[in-house]
Protein backbone atom coordinates (compact mmCIF):
# COMPACT_ATOMS: atom_id res chain seq x y z
CA UNK A 1 0.00 0.00 0.00
CA UNK A 2 1.40 3.39 -0.97
CA UNK A 3 2.39 5.91 1.72
CA UNK A 4 0.20 9.00 2.08
CA UNK A 5 2.22 12.22 1.66
CA UNK A 6 0.79 15.67 2.47
CA UNK A 7 1.16 18.20 -0.32
CA UNK A 8 3.75 20.94 0.26
CA UNK A 9 2.36 23.87 2.21
CA UNK A 10 -0.54 21.91 3.70
CA UNK A 11 -0.71 22.42 7.47
CA UNK A 12 -2.35 20.09 9.93
CA UNK A 13 -5.36 21.40 11.79
CA UNK A 14 -4.01 22.64 15.11
CA UNK A 15 -7.35 22.97 16.79
CA UNK A 16 -8.98 25.99 18.36
CA UNK A 17 -6.83 26.53 21.48
CA UNK A 18 -3.40 26.07 19.86
CA UNK A 19 -4.45 28.46 17.07
CA UNK A 20 -5.70 30.96 19.63
CA UNK A 21 -2.37 30.81 21.51
CA UNK A 22 -0.41 31.29 18.26
CA UNK A 23 -2.53 34.26 17.18
CA UNK A 24 -2.27 35.75 20.66
CA UNK A 25 1.52 35.45 20.54
CA UNK A 26 1.65 37.12 17.12
CA UNK A 27 -0.55 39.95 18.39
CA UNK A 28 1.68 40.40 21.45
CA UNK A 29 4.80 40.56 19.25
CA UNK A 30 3.12 43.13 16.98
CA UNK A 31 2.17 45.27 19.99
CA UNK A 32 5.70 45.10 21.40
CA UNK A 33 7.16 46.09 18.04
CA UNK A 34 4.70 49.00 17.73
CA UNK A 35 5.60 50.15 21.25
CA UNK A 36 9.32 49.99 20.51
CA UNK A 37 8.92 51.87 17.24
CA UNK A 38 6.88 54.62 18.93
CA UNK A 39 9.23 54.86 21.90
CA UNK A 40 12.59 54.73 20.13
CA UNK A 41 12.14 55.40 16.40
CA UNK A 42 9.19 57.60 15.42
CA UNK A 43 5.72 58.62 16.51
CA UNK A 44 2.80 60.67 15.22
CA UNK A 45 1.98 64.05 16.76
CA UNK A 46 -0.62 66.72 16.13
CA UNK A 47 -0.28 70.50 16.33
CA UNK A 48 -2.44 71.98 19.13
CA UNK A 49 -1.79 75.70 18.57
CA UNK A 50 -0.96 78.42 16.02
CA UNK A 51 2.59 79.07 17.26
CA UNK A 52 4.21 77.54 14.16
CA UNK A 53 2.00 79.23 11.53
CA UNK A 54 2.53 79.41 8.57
CA UNK A 55 4.80 76.33 8.53
CA UNK A 56 2.41 74.25 10.61
CA UNK A 57 -1.28 74.84 11.20
CA UNK A 58 -3.39 73.84 14.17
CA UNK A 59 -4.55 70.25 13.63
CA UNK A 60 -1.68 69.20 11.35
CA UNK A 61 -0.44 65.64 11.91
CA UNK A 62 3.31 65.03 11.86
CA UNK A 63 5.86 62.26 12.00
CA UNK A 64 8.45 62.91 14.73
CA UNK A 65 11.70 61.02 14.19
CA UNK A 66 13.68 60.09 17.34
CA UNK A 67 16.83 58.37 16.11
CA UNK A 68 19.10 60.97 14.50
CA UNK A 69 19.69 63.04 17.64
CA UNK A 70 21.40 60.05 19.22
CA UNK A 71 24.15 60.58 16.64
CA UNK A 72 24.26 64.38 16.33
CA UNK A 73 22.74 67.33 18.21
CA UNK A 74 19.86 69.42 16.87
CA UNK A 75 20.91 71.98 14.27
CA UNK A 76 19.67 75.54 13.61
CA UNK A 77 16.53 75.35 11.50
CA UNK A 78 15.40 71.96 12.83
CA UNK A 79 11.76 71.78 13.91
CA UNK A 80 11.82 69.89 17.20
CA UNK A 81 9.30 68.46 19.63
CA UNK A 82 10.22 68.68 23.31
CA UNK A 83 8.86 68.40 26.83
CA UNK A 84 8.49 71.73 28.68
CA UNK A 85 11.49 72.96 30.67
CA UNK A 86 11.28 73.34 34.45
CA UNK A 87 10.21 77.00 34.30
CA UNK A 88 7.11 76.09 32.29
CA UNK A 89 6.40 73.12 34.51
CA UNK A 90 6.52 75.47 37.50
CA UNK A 91 3.87 77.57 35.74
CA UNK A 92 1.54 74.57 35.61
CA UNK A 93 2.40 72.91 32.30
CA UNK A 94 2.19 69.13 32.33
CA UNK A 95 5.71 67.62 32.01
CA UNK A 96 4.24 65.12 29.53
CA UNK A 97 2.89 67.89 27.31
CA UNK A 98 4.84 68.33 24.08
CA UNK A 99 5.88 71.66 22.56
CA UNK A 100 7.04 72.23 19.00
CA UNK A 101 9.39 75.04 17.92
CA UNK A 102 12.27 75.74 15.56
CA UNK A 103 15.90 75.68 16.71
CA UNK A 104 17.44 79.13 16.29
CA UNK A 105 20.62 78.78 18.30
CA UNK A 106 22.80 76.03 19.75
CA UNK A 107 25.44 76.07 22.49
CA UNK A 108 27.75 79.09 22.19
CA UNK A 109 25.56 81.04 19.76
CA UNK A 110 24.60 84.61 20.61
CA UNK A 111 20.98 85.37 19.78
CA UNK A 112 19.53 88.88 19.51
CA UNK A 113 16.26 90.34 18.24
CA UNK A 114 16.16 93.98 17.17
CA UNK A 115 14.44 96.10 14.54
CA UNK A 116 12.18 93.19 13.55
CA UNK A 117 15.11 90.90 12.80
CA UNK A 118 16.60 87.84 14.49
CA UNK A 119 20.40 87.75 14.64
CA UNK A 120 22.68 84.82 15.39
CA UNK A 121 26.29 85.72 16.13
CA UNK A 122 25.60 89.23 14.74
CA UNK A 123 24.45 87.85 11.39
CA UNK A 124 20.78 88.38 10.42
CA UNK A 125 18.81 85.23 9.68
CA UNK A 126 17.00 85.00 6.36
CA UNK A 127 13.77 83.38 7.47
CA UNK A 128 11.33 82.78 4.66
CA UNK A 129 9.16 80.58 6.88
CA UNK A 130 7.94 83.09 9.50
CA UNK A 131 4.48 84.67 9.54
CA UNK A 132 5.73 88.18 10.30
CA UNK A 133 8.76 89.91 11.73
CA UNK A 134 9.04 89.97 15.53
CA UNK A 135 7.66 93.10 17.16
CA UNK A 136 9.75 92.75 20.31
CA UNK A 137 13.32 93.42 21.37
CA UNK A 138 15.62 90.79 22.86
CA UNK A 139 19.09 91.78 24.08
CA UNK A 140 22.03 89.57 23.08
CA UNK A 141 21.97 86.22 24.92
CA UNK A 142 24.53 83.44 24.67
CA UNK A 143 23.19 79.90 24.58
CA UNK A 144 24.85 77.89 27.40
CA UNK A 145 26.33 74.41 26.93
CA UNK A 146 23.76 71.64 26.68
CA UNK A 147 20.95 74.06 25.74
CA UNK A 148 19.08 75.38 22.70
CA UNK A 149 17.32 78.62 21.81
CA UNK A 150 13.99 77.88 20.13
CA UNK A 151 11.30 80.06 18.58
CA UNK A 152 7.92 79.58 16.91
CA UNK A 153 7.53 80.62 13.28
CA UNK A 154 4.55 82.72 14.38
CA UNK A 155 6.98 85.00 16.15
CA UNK A 156 4.47 87.32 17.79
CA UNK A 157 2.20 84.54 19.03
CA UNK A 158 4.61 81.95 20.40
CA UNK A 159 5.51 80.93 23.94
CA UNK A 160 9.18 80.24 23.27
CA UNK A 161 12.75 80.97 24.37
CA UNK A 162 12.37 84.73 24.08
CA UNK A 163 9.89 84.41 27.00
CA UNK A 164 11.07 81.49 29.15
CA UNK A 165 14.74 81.14 28.24
CA UNK A 166 16.93 78.32 27.03
CA UNK A 167 15.75 74.77 26.41
CA UNK A 168 17.81 71.95 27.99
CA UNK A 169 18.80 69.67 25.13
CA UNK A 170 17.83 66.56 27.10
CA UNK A 171 14.18 67.70 26.89
CA UNK A 172 14.15 67.14 23.12
CA UNK A 173 11.89 64.25 22.06
CA UNK A 174 12.70 64.29 18.36
CA UNK A 175 12.62 66.13 15.05
CA UNK A 176 9.43 66.80 13.10
CA UNK A 177 10.23 65.72 9.56
CA UNK A 178 7.00 64.99 7.69
CA UNK A 179 3.37 66.14 7.63
CA UNK A 180 0.96 63.34 6.76
CA UNK A 181 -2.31 65.19 7.34
CA UNK A 182 -4.12 67.04 5.90
CA UNK A 183 -3.43 65.40 2.56
CA UNK A 184 -3.51 68.77 0.80
CA UNK A 185 -0.39 69.75 2.82
CA UNK A 186 1.33 66.36 2.68
CA UNK A 187 5.12 66.52 2.53
CA UNK A 188 8.48 67.05 4.19
CA UNK A 189 9.02 70.04 6.46
CA UNK A 190 11.39 72.95 5.94
CA UNK A 191 14.11 72.20 8.50
CA UNK A 192 16.80 74.65 7.51
CA UNK A 193 17.31 78.38 7.34
CA UNK A 194 20.09 80.40 5.74
CA UNK A 195 22.13 83.42 6.76
CA UNK A 196 22.30 86.61 4.78
CA UNK A 197 25.65 88.00 3.82
CA UNK A 198 27.19 90.73 5.93
CA UNK A 199 25.86 92.21 9.14
CA UNK A 200 23.11 94.44 7.85
CA UNK A 201 19.42 93.71 7.47
CA UNK A 202 18.47 91.65 4.41
């Protein structure tokens, strides 16, 4: 009598409980992977305010990438998401609340705002992403080691470093790199600015 051979790819019926255990294990692995990706690699965020208009509008959904800053520090022009510094927490902000601003200065930079213009190390920034020129004056301030100076693109409606000071770099969660909603504004974000030549206004 010939031997019965199962065709390739045919699987024996495992029964209800073994299949349930296998599916449960697969679901658990998927959840762990999703948690790890969100915690260490990237996560979605939404914009709760108008402080980054016109670059970002209230309700925009973003991808925040968390890996690159383990290899290099934030750079001027980067749009970063961060937890509030101690001064804001003392004012009642939840330490788990996330802020989003643009990096203007890094350690050692001297930041000044005068005559409607932001200066870094005495050079005026050419900022084609802001809503309007700042209507306030900020005397020269040097960014201390391990800190950043951040500002919202909506300069006159932003709770940022010109109000509460320098941001400790260890508060940075990640870099906002891509807007995935609304679909009409889908695309990568402008994460760099340039300097004008000379020391005068552009």
